[in-house]
Amino acid sequence: MSRADELFIQNCKEILANGVWDTDQNVRPRWEDGAPAHTVKAFGIVNRYDLRAEFPIQTIRRMYLKSAVDELLWIWQKKSNNIHDLRANIWDAWADETGSIGKAYGYQLGVKHRYPEGEMDQVDRVLYDLKHNPASRRILTNLYNHHDLSEMALYPCAYSMTFNVSGRTLNAILNQRSQDMLTANGWNVMQYAALVHMLAQVSGLEAGELVHVIADAHIYDRHVPIVEEIISRKPFEAPRLALDPGVTDFYDFTPDSLKLEGYQCHELDAKIPVAI
């Protein structure tokens, strides 16, 4: 069984059985028809994925790795906040007439900061330290800039990555303030697992463990029947990830640089509504 499936099923069963509903609250998100989008949630979920054992991608529903990596590179490589630089339409609902999502996500990673070694943005600082200061306990990124929150179309959900090198192994912690389990959990896990693999390769390291910390892990009311169907399925074995070994510069990666070997999955016919 895929570890990503195992943890997703475990998390969702716990949320559905013992979670707290917000139906007595005035919530911000709305469905397309204007109805309030209520959730049932669990607080403080922590999941660990050993990237040396397998690639954490769900098999109980089809996941689209290349699309997920395209969004990841839009943020981490292009450092863009404009949907015209992104192939998918997943950010369209939050973009203005110019395609901008404001000072969010890629914008924050691209801001230059002054260091003793010179000016660098957050991604360049991570790349520099992984090569030159791997023993550092200060290798991290943070998108949650309170100064710019008022100019963001959406506050960052996955807002911080902390990297730690142990020997020749690169480990990381992904901090997430909020997660829609159905639409985002599998997506974010495979994205940031892929990021750890890419950063490890260009830094001469081995990808180790990804720890995912979710403050508010929730299932929307209209997602419950779909989640119940998905978690009743029998998972397949996890696939392996193959990275193009010729890529030695993080900025040379493309979605085509990553391939899954032996990926089997169940199809999902139901359309998933998205709360805005």
C-alpha atoms as a PDB file:
ATOM      1  CA  MET A   1       0.000   0.000   0.000  1.00  0.00           C
ATOM      2  CA  SER A   2       1.189   3.498  -0.841  1.00  0.00           C
ATOM      3  CA  ARG A   3       2.154   5.435   2.280  1.00  0.00           C
ATOM      4  CA  ALA A   4       0.352   8.468   0.858  1.00  0.00           C
ATOM      5  CA  ASP A   5      -2.842   6.399   0.604  1.00  0.00           C
ATOM      6  CA  GLU A   6      -2.390   4.922   4.067  1.00  0.00           C
ATOM      7  CA  LEU A   7      -2.018   8.312   5.743  1.00  0.00           C
ATOM      8  CA  PHE A   8      -4.779   9.966   3.703  1.00  0.00           C
ATOM      9  CA  ILE A   9      -7.242   7.210   4.592  1.00  0.00           C
ATOM     10  CA  GLN A  10      -6.201   7.329   8.241  1.00  0.00           C
ATOM     11  CA  ASN A  11      -6.478  11.135   8.393  1.00  0.00           C
ATOM     12  CA  CYS A  12      -9.871  11.262   6.685  1.00  0.00           C
ATOM     13  CA  LYS A  13     -11.349   8.507   8.845  1.00  0.00           C
ATOM     14  CA  GLU A  14     -10.199  10.368  11.950  1.00  0.00           C
ATOM     15  CA  ILE A  15     -11.657  13.676  10.712  1.00  0.00           C
ATOM     16  CA  LEU A  16     -15.005  12.130   9.743  1.00  0.00           C
ATOM     17  CA  ALA A  17     -15.307  10.136  12.969  1.00  0.00           C
ATOM     18  CA  ASN A  18     -13.999  12.607  15.528  1.00  0.00           C
ATOM     19  CA  GLY A  19     -13.680  15.975  13.798  1.00  0.00           C
ATOM     20  CA  VAL A  20     -15.324  19.249  14.788  1.00  0.00           C
ATOM     21  CA  TRP A  21     -17.921  20.844  12.493  1.00  0.00           C
ATOM     22  CA  ASP A  22     -18.052  24.622  11.987  1.00  0.00           C
ATOM     23  CA  THR A  23     -21.761  24.708  11.079  1.00  0.00           C
ATOM     24  CA  ASP A  24     -22.381  27.061  14.015  1.00  0.00           C
ATOM     25  CA  GLN A  25     -19.842  29.560  12.635  1.00  0.00           C
ATOM     26  CA  ASN A  26     -20.092  32.336  10.047  1.00  0.00           C
ATOM     27  CA  VAL A  27     -17.503  30.991   7.573  1.00  0.00           C
ATOM     28  CA  ARG A  28     -15.742  32.888   4.774  1.00  0.00           C
ATOM     29  CA  PRO A  29     -15.678  30.265   1.946  1.00  0.00           C
ATOM     30  CA  ARG A  30     -18.684  29.950  -0.344  1.00  0.00           C
ATOM     31  CA  TRP A  31     -19.822  27.430  -2.921  1.00  0.00           C
ATOM     32  CA  GLU A  32     -20.509  28.513  -6.481  1.00  0.00           C
ATOM     33  CA  ASP A  33     -24.217  28.874  -5.668  1.00  0.00           C
ATOM     34  CA  GLY A  34     -23.439  31.218  -2.767  1.00  0.00           C
ATOM     35  CA  ALA A  35     -24.094  28.731   0.034  1.00  0.00           C
ATOM     36  CA  PRO A  36     -21.632  28.735   2.945  1.00  0.00           C
ATOM     37  CA  ALA A  37     -18.964  26.026   2.627  1.00  0.00           C
ATOM     38  CA  HIS A  38     -18.788  24.379   6.032  1.00  0.00           C
ATOM     39  CA  THR A  39     -16.129  21.890   7.096  1.00  0.00           C
ATOM     40  CA  VAL A  40     -15.383  19.170   9.591  1.00  0.00           C
ATOM     41  CA  LYS A  41     -11.802  19.378  10.837  1.00  0.00           C
ATOM     42  CA  ALA A  42      -8.992  17.957  12.931  1.00  0.00           C
ATOM     43  CA  PHE A  43      -6.291  20.146  14.446  1.00  0.00           C
ATOM     44  CA  GLY A  44      -2.574  19.477  14.263  1.00  0.00           C
ATOM     45  CA  ILE A  45      -2.034  16.526  11.924  1.00  0.00           C
ATOM     46  CA  VAL A  46       1.604  15.492  11.401  1.00  0.00           C
ATOM     47  CA  ASN A  47       2.493  13.013   8.639  1.00  0.00           C
ATOM     48  CA  ARG A  48       5.937  11.619   7.797  1.00  0.00           C
ATOM     49  CA  TYR A  49       6.995  10.346   4.361  1.00  0.00           C
ATOM     50  CA  ASP A  50      10.250   8.445   3.760  1.00  0.00           C
ATOM     51  CA  LEU A  51      11.226   9.517   0.239  1.00  0.00           C
ATOM     52  CA  ARG A  52      13.913   6.834   0.107  1.00  0.00           C
ATOM     53  CA  ALA A  53      11.269   4.115   0.362  1.00  0.00           C
ATOM     54  CA  GLU A  54       8.737   5.342  -2.182  1.00  0.00           C
ATOM     55  CA  PHE A  55       7.269   8.409  -3.836  1.00  0.00           C
ATOM     56  CA  PRO A  56       4.224   9.588  -1.848  1.00  0.00           C
ATOM     57  CA  ILE A  57       1.481   9.804  -4.429  1.00  0.00           C
ATOM     58  CA  GLN A  58      -2.076   8.627  -3.933  1.00  0.00           C
ATOM     59  CA  THR A  59      -3.281   5.630  -5.926  1.00  0.00           C
ATOM     60  CA  ILE A  60      -6.882   5.605  -4.641  1.00  0.00           C
ATOM     61  CA  ARG A  61      -7.495   8.405  -7.158  1.00  0.00           C
ATOM     62  CA  ARG A  62      -5.497   9.550 -10.171  1.00  0.00           C
ATOM     63  CA  MET A  63      -3.013  12.291  -9.364  1.00  0.00           C
ATOM     64  CA  TYR A  64      -1.398  14.465 -12.018  1.00  0.00           C
ATOM     65  CA  LEU A  65       2.250  14.890 -11.088  1.00  0.00           C
ATOM     66  CA  LYS A  66       3.267  17.064 -14.054  1.00  0.00           C
ATOM     67  CA  SER A  67       0.497  19.577 -13.385  1.00  0.00           C
ATOM     68  CA  ALA A  68       1.428  19.658  -9.704  1.00  0.00           C
ATOM     69  CA  VAL A  69       5.108  20.207 -10.518  1.00  0.00           C
ATOM     70  CA  ASP A  70       4.166  22.910 -13.031  1.00  0.00           C
ATOM     71  CA  GLU A  71       2.459  24.855 -10.227  1.00  0.00           C
ATOM     72  CA  LEU A  72       5.375  24.191  -7.875  1.00  0.00           C
ATOM     73  CA  LEU A  73       7.883  25.531 -10.411  1.00  0.00           C
ATOM     74  CA  TRP A  74       5.607  28.508 -11.094  1.00  0.00           C
ATOM     75  CA  ILE A  75       6.083  29.412  -7.441  1.00  0.00           C
ATOM     76  CA  TRP A  76       9.625  28.218  -6.676  1.00  0.00           C
ATOM     77  CA  GLN A  77      11.404  28.594  -9.996  1.00  0.00           C
ATOM     78  CA  LYS A  78       9.564  31.330 -11.914  1.00  0.00           C
ATOM     79  CA  LYS A  79       8.661  33.060  -8.626  1.00  0.00           C
ATOM     80  CA  SER A  80       5.582  34.305 -10.396  1.00  0.00           C
ATOM     81  CA  ASN A  81       2.307  35.643  -9.072  1.00  0.00           C
ATOM     82  CA  ASN A  82       0.633  35.802 -12.483  1.00  0.00           C
ATOM     83  CA  ILE A  83      -1.565  32.972 -13.796  1.00  0.00           C
ATOM     84  CA  HIS A  84      -0.450  33.669 -17.372  1.00  0.00           C
ATOM     85  CA  ASP A  85       2.829  31.965 -16.412  1.00  0.00           C
ATOM     86  CA  LEU A  86       0.952  28.844 -15.303  1.00  0.00           C
ATOM     87  CA  ARG A  87      -0.419  26.122 -17.581  1.00  0.00           C
ATOM     88  CA  ALA A  88      -3.347  25.045 -15.394  1.00  0.00           C
ATOM     89  CA  ASN A  89      -6.413  27.102 -14.441  1.00  0.00           C
ATOM     90  CA  ILE A  90      -6.317  26.309 -10.724  1.00  0.00           C
ATOM     91  CA  TRP A  91      -5.630  29.921  -9.690  1.00  0.00           C
ATOM     92  CA  ASP A  92      -8.063  31.637 -12.059  1.00  0.00           C
ATOM     93  CA  ALA A  93     -10.700  32.311  -9.390  1.00  0.00           C
ATOM     94  CA  TRP A  94      -8.229  34.361  -7.331  1.00  0.00           C
ATOM     95  CA  ALA A  95      -6.616  36.371 -10.142  1.00  0.00           C
ATOM     96  CA  ASP A  96      -7.467  39.945 -11.119  1.00  0.00           C
ATOM     97  CA  GLU A  97      -8.023  41.223 -14.654  1.00  0.00           C
ATOM     98  CA  THR A  98      -4.258  41.257 -15.304  1.00  0.00           C
ATOM     99  CA  GLY A  99      -3.777  37.679 -14.085  1.00  0.00           C
ATOM    100  CA  SER A 100      -2.120  38.698 -10.817  1.00  0.00           C
ATOM    101  CA  ILE A 101      -2.826  37.049  -7.445  1.00  0.00           C
ATOM    102  CA  GLY A 102      -1.140  39.936  -5.656  1.00  0.00           C
ATOM    103  CA  LYS A 103       1.935  39.742  -3.452  1.00  0.00           C
ATOM    104  CA  ALA A 104       1.444  36.034  -2.790  1.00  0.00           C
ATOM    105  CA  TYR A 105       3.365  32.782  -3.208  1.00  0.00           C
ATOM    106  CA  GLY A 106       5.991  33.230  -5.946  1.00  0.00           C
ATOM    107  CA  TYR A 107       6.137  36.967  -5.376  1.00  0.00           C
ATOM    108  CA  GLN A 108       7.381  36.413  -1.811  1.00  0.00           C
ATOM    109  CA  LEU A 109      10.034  33.907  -2.866  1.00  0.00           C
ATOM    110  CA  GLY A 110      11.359  36.317  -5.478  1.00  0.00           C
ATOM    111  CA  VAL A 111      11.909  39.313  -3.197  1.00  0.00           C
ATOM    112  CA  LYS A 112      15.620  40.008  -2.790  1.00  0.00           C
ATOM    113  CA  HIS A 113      17.151  40.166   0.683  1.00  0.00           C
ATOM    114  CA  ARG A 114      20.599  41.350   1.743  1.00  0.00           C
ATOM    115  CA  TYR A 115      23.012  38.780   3.192  1.00  0.00           C
ATOM    116  CA  PRO A 116      26.757  38.924   3.929  1.00  0.00           C
ATOM    117  CA  GLU A 117      27.271  36.974   0.684  1.00  0.00           C
ATOM    118  CA  GLY A 118      25.203  39.474  -1.321  1.00  0.00           C
ATOM    119  CA  GLU A 119      21.604  39.930  -2.401  1.00  0.00           C
ATOM    120  CA  MET A 120      19.571  36.754  -2.856  1.00  0.00           C
ATOM    121  CA  ASP A 121      15.932  35.765  -2.855  1.00  0.00           C
ATOM    122  CA  GLN A 122      14.647  32.986  -0.597  1.00  0.00           C
ATOM    123  CA  VAL A 123      15.084  30.168  -3.118  1.00  0.00           C
ATOM    124  CA  ASP A 124      18.610  31.230  -4.039  1.00  0.00           C
ATOM    125  CA  ARG A 125      19.479  31.402  -0.342  1.00  0.00           C
ATOM    126  CA  VAL A 126      18.285  27.811   0.161  1.00  0.00           C
ATOM    127  CA  LEU A 127      20.280  26.626  -2.853  1.00  0.00           C
ATOM    128  CA  TYR A 128      23.380  28.481  -1.627  1.00  0.00           C
ATOM    129  CA  ASP A 129      23.185  27.112   1.907  1.00  0.00           C
ATOM    130  CA  LEU A 130      22.529  23.514   0.848  1.00  0.00           C
ATOM    131  CA  LYS A 131      25.807  23.615  -1.066  1.00  0.00           C
ATOM    132  CA  HIS A 132      27.932  25.865   1.134  1.00  0.00           C
ATOM    133  CA  ASN A 133      26.411  25.658   4.644  1.00  0.00           C
ATOM    134  CA  PRO A 134      24.686  22.250   4.877  1.00  0.00           C
ATOM    135  CA  ALA A 135      25.158  22.146   8.669  1.00  0.00           C
ATOM    136  CA  SER A 136      23.106  25.322   9.040  1.00  0.00           C
ATOM    137  CA  ARG A 137      19.879  25.154  11.038  1.00  0.00           C
ATOM    138  CA  ARG A 138      18.613  28.295   9.286  1.00  0.00           C
ATOM    139  CA  ILE A 139      17.716  26.922   5.868  1.00  0.00           C
ATOM    140  CA  LEU A 140      14.060  27.799   5.419  1.00  0.00           C
ATOM    141  CA  THR A 141      11.537  29.790   3.429  1.00  0.00           C
ATOM    142  CA  ASN A 142       8.484  31.707   4.627  1.00  0.00           C
ATOM    143  CA  LEU A 143       5.647  33.049   2.478  1.00  0.00           C
ATOM    144  CA  TYR A 144       3.529  34.417   5.326  1.00  0.00           C
ATOM    145  CA  ASN A 145       4.627  38.042   5.216  1.00  0.00           C
ATOM    146  CA  HIS A 146       2.205  39.993   7.426  1.00  0.00           C
ATOM    147  CA  HIS A 147       3.250  43.271   5.801  1.00  0.00           C
ATOM    148  CA  ASP A 148       1.882  42.080   2.435  1.00  0.00           C
ATOM    149  CA  LEU A 149      -1.151  40.006   3.499  1.00  0.00           C
ATOM    150  CA  SER A 150      -3.580  42.789   2.593  1.00  0.00           C
ATOM    151  CA  GLU A 151      -2.271  42.674  -0.988  1.00  0.00           C
ATOM    152  CA  MET A 152      -2.624  38.891  -1.419  1.00  0.00           C
ATOM    153  CA  ALA A 153      -5.627  37.388  -3.197  1.00  0.00           C
ATOM    154  CA  LEU A 154      -5.299  34.372  -0.889  1.00  0.00           C
ATOM    155  CA  TYR A 155      -3.195  34.020   2.243  1.00  0.00           C
ATOM    156  CA  PRO A 156      -0.572  31.268   1.761  1.00  0.00           C
ATOM    157  CA  CYS A 157      -1.786  27.818   2.827  1.00  0.00           C
ATOM    158  CA  ALA A 158       1.492  25.902   2.499  1.00  0.00           C
ATOM    159  CA  TYR A 159       3.558  28.763   3.859  1.00  0.00           C
ATOM    160  CA  SER A 160       6.909  27.458   5.112  1.00  0.00           C
ATOM    161  CA  MET A 161       9.585  24.915   4.241  1.00  0.00           C
ATOM    162  CA  THR A 162      12.400  24.103   6.660  1.00  0.00           C
ATOM    163  CA  PHE A 163      15.321  22.116   5.282  1.00  0.00           C
ATOM    164  CA  ASN A 164      17.784  20.084   7.314  1.00  0.00           C
ATOM    165  CA  VAL A 165      20.832  18.155   6.124  1.00  0.00           C
ATOM    166  CA  SER A 166      21.831  15.101   8.153  1.00  0.00           C
ATOM    167  CA  GLY A 167      25.012  13.588   6.750  1.00  0.00           C
ATOM    168  CA  ARG A 168      24.281  13.499   3.019  1.00  0.00           C
ATOM    169  CA  THR A 169      20.511  13.311   3.467  1.00  0.00           C
ATOM    170  CA  LEU A 170      18.151  16.236   2.844  1.00  0.00           C
ATOM    171  CA  ASN A 171      15.051  16.280   5.052  1.00  0.00           C
ATOM    172  CA  ALA A 172      12.311  18.894   5.107  1.00  0.00           C
ATOM    173  CA  ILE A 173       9.277  20.078   7.061  1.00  0.00           C
ATOM    174  CA  LEU A 174       6.301  21.537   5.201  1.00  0.00           C
ATOM    175  CA  ASN A 175       4.130  23.755   7.397  1.00  0.00           C
ATOM    176  CA  GLN A 176       0.575  24.341   6.297  1.00  0.00           C
ATOM    177  CA  ARG A 177      -1.927  26.554   8.128  1.00  0.00           C
ATOM    178  CA  SER A 178      -4.950  25.055   6.357  1.00  0.00           C
ATOM    179  CA  GLN A 179      -5.642  22.128   4.050  1.00  0.00           C
ATOM    180  CA  ASP A 180      -8.675  21.043   2.053  1.00  0.00           C
ATOM    181  CA  MET A 181      -8.016  17.309   2.338  1.00  0.00           C
ATOM    182  CA  LEU A 182      -9.806  16.235  -0.830  1.00  0.00           C
ATOM    183  CA  THR A 183      -8.514  18.788  -3.303  1.00  0.00           C
ATOM    184  CA  ALA A 184      -5.113  19.659  -1.830  1.00  0.00           C
ATOM    185  CA  ASN A 185      -3.624  16.959   0.396  1.00  0.00           C
ATOM    186  CA  GLY A 186      -2.391  14.558  -2.281  1.00  0.00           C
ATOM    187  CA  TRP A 187      -1.449  17.504  -4.510  1.00  0.00           C
ATOM    188  CA  ASN A 188       0.729  19.260  -1.918  1.00  0.00           C
ATOM    189  CA  VAL A 189       2.399  16.085  -0.670  1.00  0.00           C
ATOM    190  CA  MET A 190       3.611  15.047  -4.122  1.00  0.00           C
ATOM    191  CA  GLN A 191       4.621  18.635  -4.945  1.00  0.00           C
ATOM    192  CA  TYR A 192       6.865  19.108  -1.952  1.00  0.00           C
ATOM    193  CA  ALA A 193       8.193  15.560  -2.107  1.00  0.00           C
ATOM    194  CA  ALA A 194       9.234  16.378  -5.678  1.00  0.00           C
ATOM    195  CA  LEU A 195      10.807  19.634  -4.479  1.00  0.00           C
ATOM    196  CA  VAL A 196      12.916  17.793  -1.903  1.00  0.00           C
ATOM    197  CA  HIS A 197      14.082  15.363  -4.601  1.00  0.00           C
ATOM    198  CA  MET A 198      14.988  18.207  -6.973  1.00  0.00           C
ATOM    199  CA  LEU A 199      16.847  20.254  -4.358  1.00  0.00           C
ATOM    200  CA  ALA A 200      18.695  17.169  -3.160  1.00  0.00           C
ATOM    201  CA  GLN A 201      19.855  16.245  -6.659  1.00  0.00           C
ATOM    202  CA  VAL A 202      21.259  19.686  -7.512  1.00  0.00           C
ATOM    203  CA  SER A 203      22.946  19.903  -4.086  1.00  0.00           C
ATOM    204  CA  GLY A 204      24.675  16.515  -4.267  1.00  0.00           C
ATOM    205  CA  LEU A 205      22.431  15.078  -1.538  1.00  0.00           C
ATOM    206  CA  GLU A 206      19.937  12.243  -1.126  1.00  0.00           C
ATOM    207  CA  ALA A 207      16.243  12.945  -0.540  1.00  0.00           C
ATOM    208  CA  GLY A 208      15.303  11.698   2.933  1.00  0.00           C
ATOM    209  CA  GLU A 209      12.156  12.490   4.885  1.00  0.00           C
ATOM    210  CA  LEU A 210       9.311  14.930   4.285  1.00  0.00           C
ATOM    211  CA  VAL A 211       7.369  15.866   7.407  1.00  0.00           C
ATOM    212  CA  HIS A 212       3.994  17.509   6.715  1.00  0.00           C
ATOM    213  CA  VAL A 213       2.445  19.579   9.517  1.00  0.00           C
ATOM    214  CA  ILE A 214      -1.176  20.663   8.988  1.00  0.00           C
ATOM    215  CA  ALA A 215      -2.745  23.037  11.508  1.00  0.00           C
ATOM    216  CA  ASP A 216      -6.336  22.846  10.211  1.00  0.00           C
ATOM    217  CA  ALA A 217      -7.018  19.657   8.217  1.00  0.00           C
ATOM    218  CA  HIS A 218     -10.584  19.798   6.979  1.00  0.00           C
ATOM    219  CA  ILE A 219     -13.141  18.152   4.711  1.00  0.00           C
ATOM    220  CA  TYR A 220     -15.845  20.324   3.161  1.00  0.00           C
ATOM    221  CA  ASP A 221     -19.469  19.322   3.654  1.00  0.00           C
ATOM    222  CA  ARG A 222     -20.083  18.681  -0.062  1.00  0.00           C
ATOM    223  CA  HIS A 223     -16.873  16.630  -0.297  1.00  0.00           C
ATOM    224  CA  VAL A 224     -17.861  14.061   2.335  1.00  0.00           C
ATOM    225  CA  PRO A 225     -19.529  11.537  -0.028  1.00  0.00           C
ATOM    226  CA  ILE A 226     -16.571  11.693  -2.439  1.00  0.00           C
ATOM    227  CA  VAL A 227     -14.053  11.233   0.369  1.00  0.00           C
ATOM    228  CA  GLU A 228     -16.030   8.270   1.725  1.00  0.00           C
ATOM    229  CA  GLU A 229     -15.968   6.641  -1.712  1.00  0.00           C
ATOM    230  CA  ILE A 230     -12.241   7.218  -2.211  1.00  0.00           C
ATOM    231  CA  ILE A 231     -11.114   5.928   1.186  1.00  0.00           C
ATOM    232  CA  SER A 232     -13.134   2.725   0.718  1.00  0.00           C
ATOM    233  CA  ARG A 233     -10.931   1.710  -2.230  1.00  0.00           C
ATOM    234  CA  LYS A 234      -8.052  -0.734  -2.148  1.00  0.00           C
ATOM    235  CA  PRO A 235      -4.767   1.106  -2.782  1.00  0.00           C
ATOM    236  CA  PHE A 236      -2.080   0.001  -5.190  1.00  0.00           C
ATOM    237  CA  GLU A 237       1.623  -0.120  -4.387  1.00  0.00           C
ATOM    238  CA  ALA A 238       3.445   3.187  -4.600  1.00  0.00           C
ATOM    239  CA  PRO A 239       5.425   4.031  -7.747  1.00  0.00           C
ATOM    240  CA  ARG A 240       9.044   5.171  -7.929  1.00  0.00           C
ATOM    241  CA  LEU A 241      10.119   8.630  -9.001  1.00  0.00           C
ATOM    242  CA  ALA A 242      12.726   9.025 -11.737  1.00  0.00           C
ATOM    243  CA  LEU A 243      14.468  12.407 -12.046  1.00  0.00           C
ATOM    244  CA  ASP A 244      16.411  13.424 -15.121  1.00  0.00           C
ATOM    245  CA  PRO A 245      19.975  12.841 -13.835  1.00  0.00           C
ATOM    246  CA  GLY A 246      21.355  15.402 -16.256  1.00  0.00           C
ATOM    247  CA  VAL A 247      19.774  18.339 -14.410  1.00  0.00           C
ATOM    248  CA  THR A 248      22.327  19.958 -12.096  1.00  0.00           C
ATOM    249  CA  ASP A 249      20.763  23.436 -11.839  1.00  0.00           C
ATOM    250  CA  PHE A 250      17.397  23.819 -10.083  1.00  0.00           C
ATOM    251  CA  TYR A 251      16.319  26.399 -12.651  1.00  0.00           C
ATOM    252  CA  ASP A 252      16.688  23.847 -15.453  1.00  0.00           C
ATOM    253  CA  PHE A 253      14.002  21.504 -14.118  1.00  0.00           C
ATOM    254  CA  THR A 254      10.739  21.244 -16.057  1.00  0.00           C
ATOM    255  CA  PRO A 255       7.670  19.080 -15.395  1.00  0.00           C
ATOM    256  CA  ASP A 256       9.088  16.669 -17.987  1.00  0.00           C
ATOM    257  CA  SER A 257      12.189  16.160 -15.809  1.00  0.00           C
ATOM    258  CA  LEU A 258      10.151  13.943 -13.492  1.00  0.00           C
ATOM    259  CA  LYS A 259       8.625  10.581 -14.375  1.00  0.00           C
ATOM    260  CA  LEU A 260       6.748   7.972 -12.365  1.00  0.00           C
ATOM    261  CA  GLU A 261       7.660   4.329 -12.782  1.00  0.00           C
ATOM    262  CA  GLY A 262       4.917   1.765 -12.167  1.00  0.00           C
ATOM    263  CA  TYR A 263       2.108   4.162 -11.288  1.00  0.00           C
ATOM    264  CA  GLN A 264      -1.277   2.431 -10.971  1.00  0.00           C
ATOM    265  CA  CYS A 265      -4.387   4.217  -9.745  1.00  0.00           C
ATOM    266  CA  HIS A 266      -8.156   4.304  -9.504  1.00  0.00           C
ATOM    267  CA  GLU A 267     -10.094   6.798 -11.605  1.00  0.00           C
ATOM    268  CA  LEU A 268     -12.427   9.358 -10.065  1.00  0.00           C
ATOM    269  CA  ASP A 269     -15.479  10.220 -12.143  1.00  0.00           C
ATOM    270  CA  ALA A 270     -17.128  12.588  -9.669  1.00  0.00           C
ATOM    271  CA  LYS A 271     -16.633  16.303 -10.223  1.00  0.00           C
ATOM    272  CA  ILE A 272     -15.109  17.951  -7.152  1.00  0.00           C
ATOM    273  CA  PRO A 273     -16.692  21.313  -6.281  1.00  0.00           C
ATOM    274  CA  VAL A 274     -14.239  23.954  -5.058  1.00  0.00           C
ATOM    275  CA  ALA A 275     -15.080  26.453  -2.326  1.00  0.00           C
ATOM    276  CA  ILE A 276     -13.854  30.012  -2.905  1.00  0.00           C
END
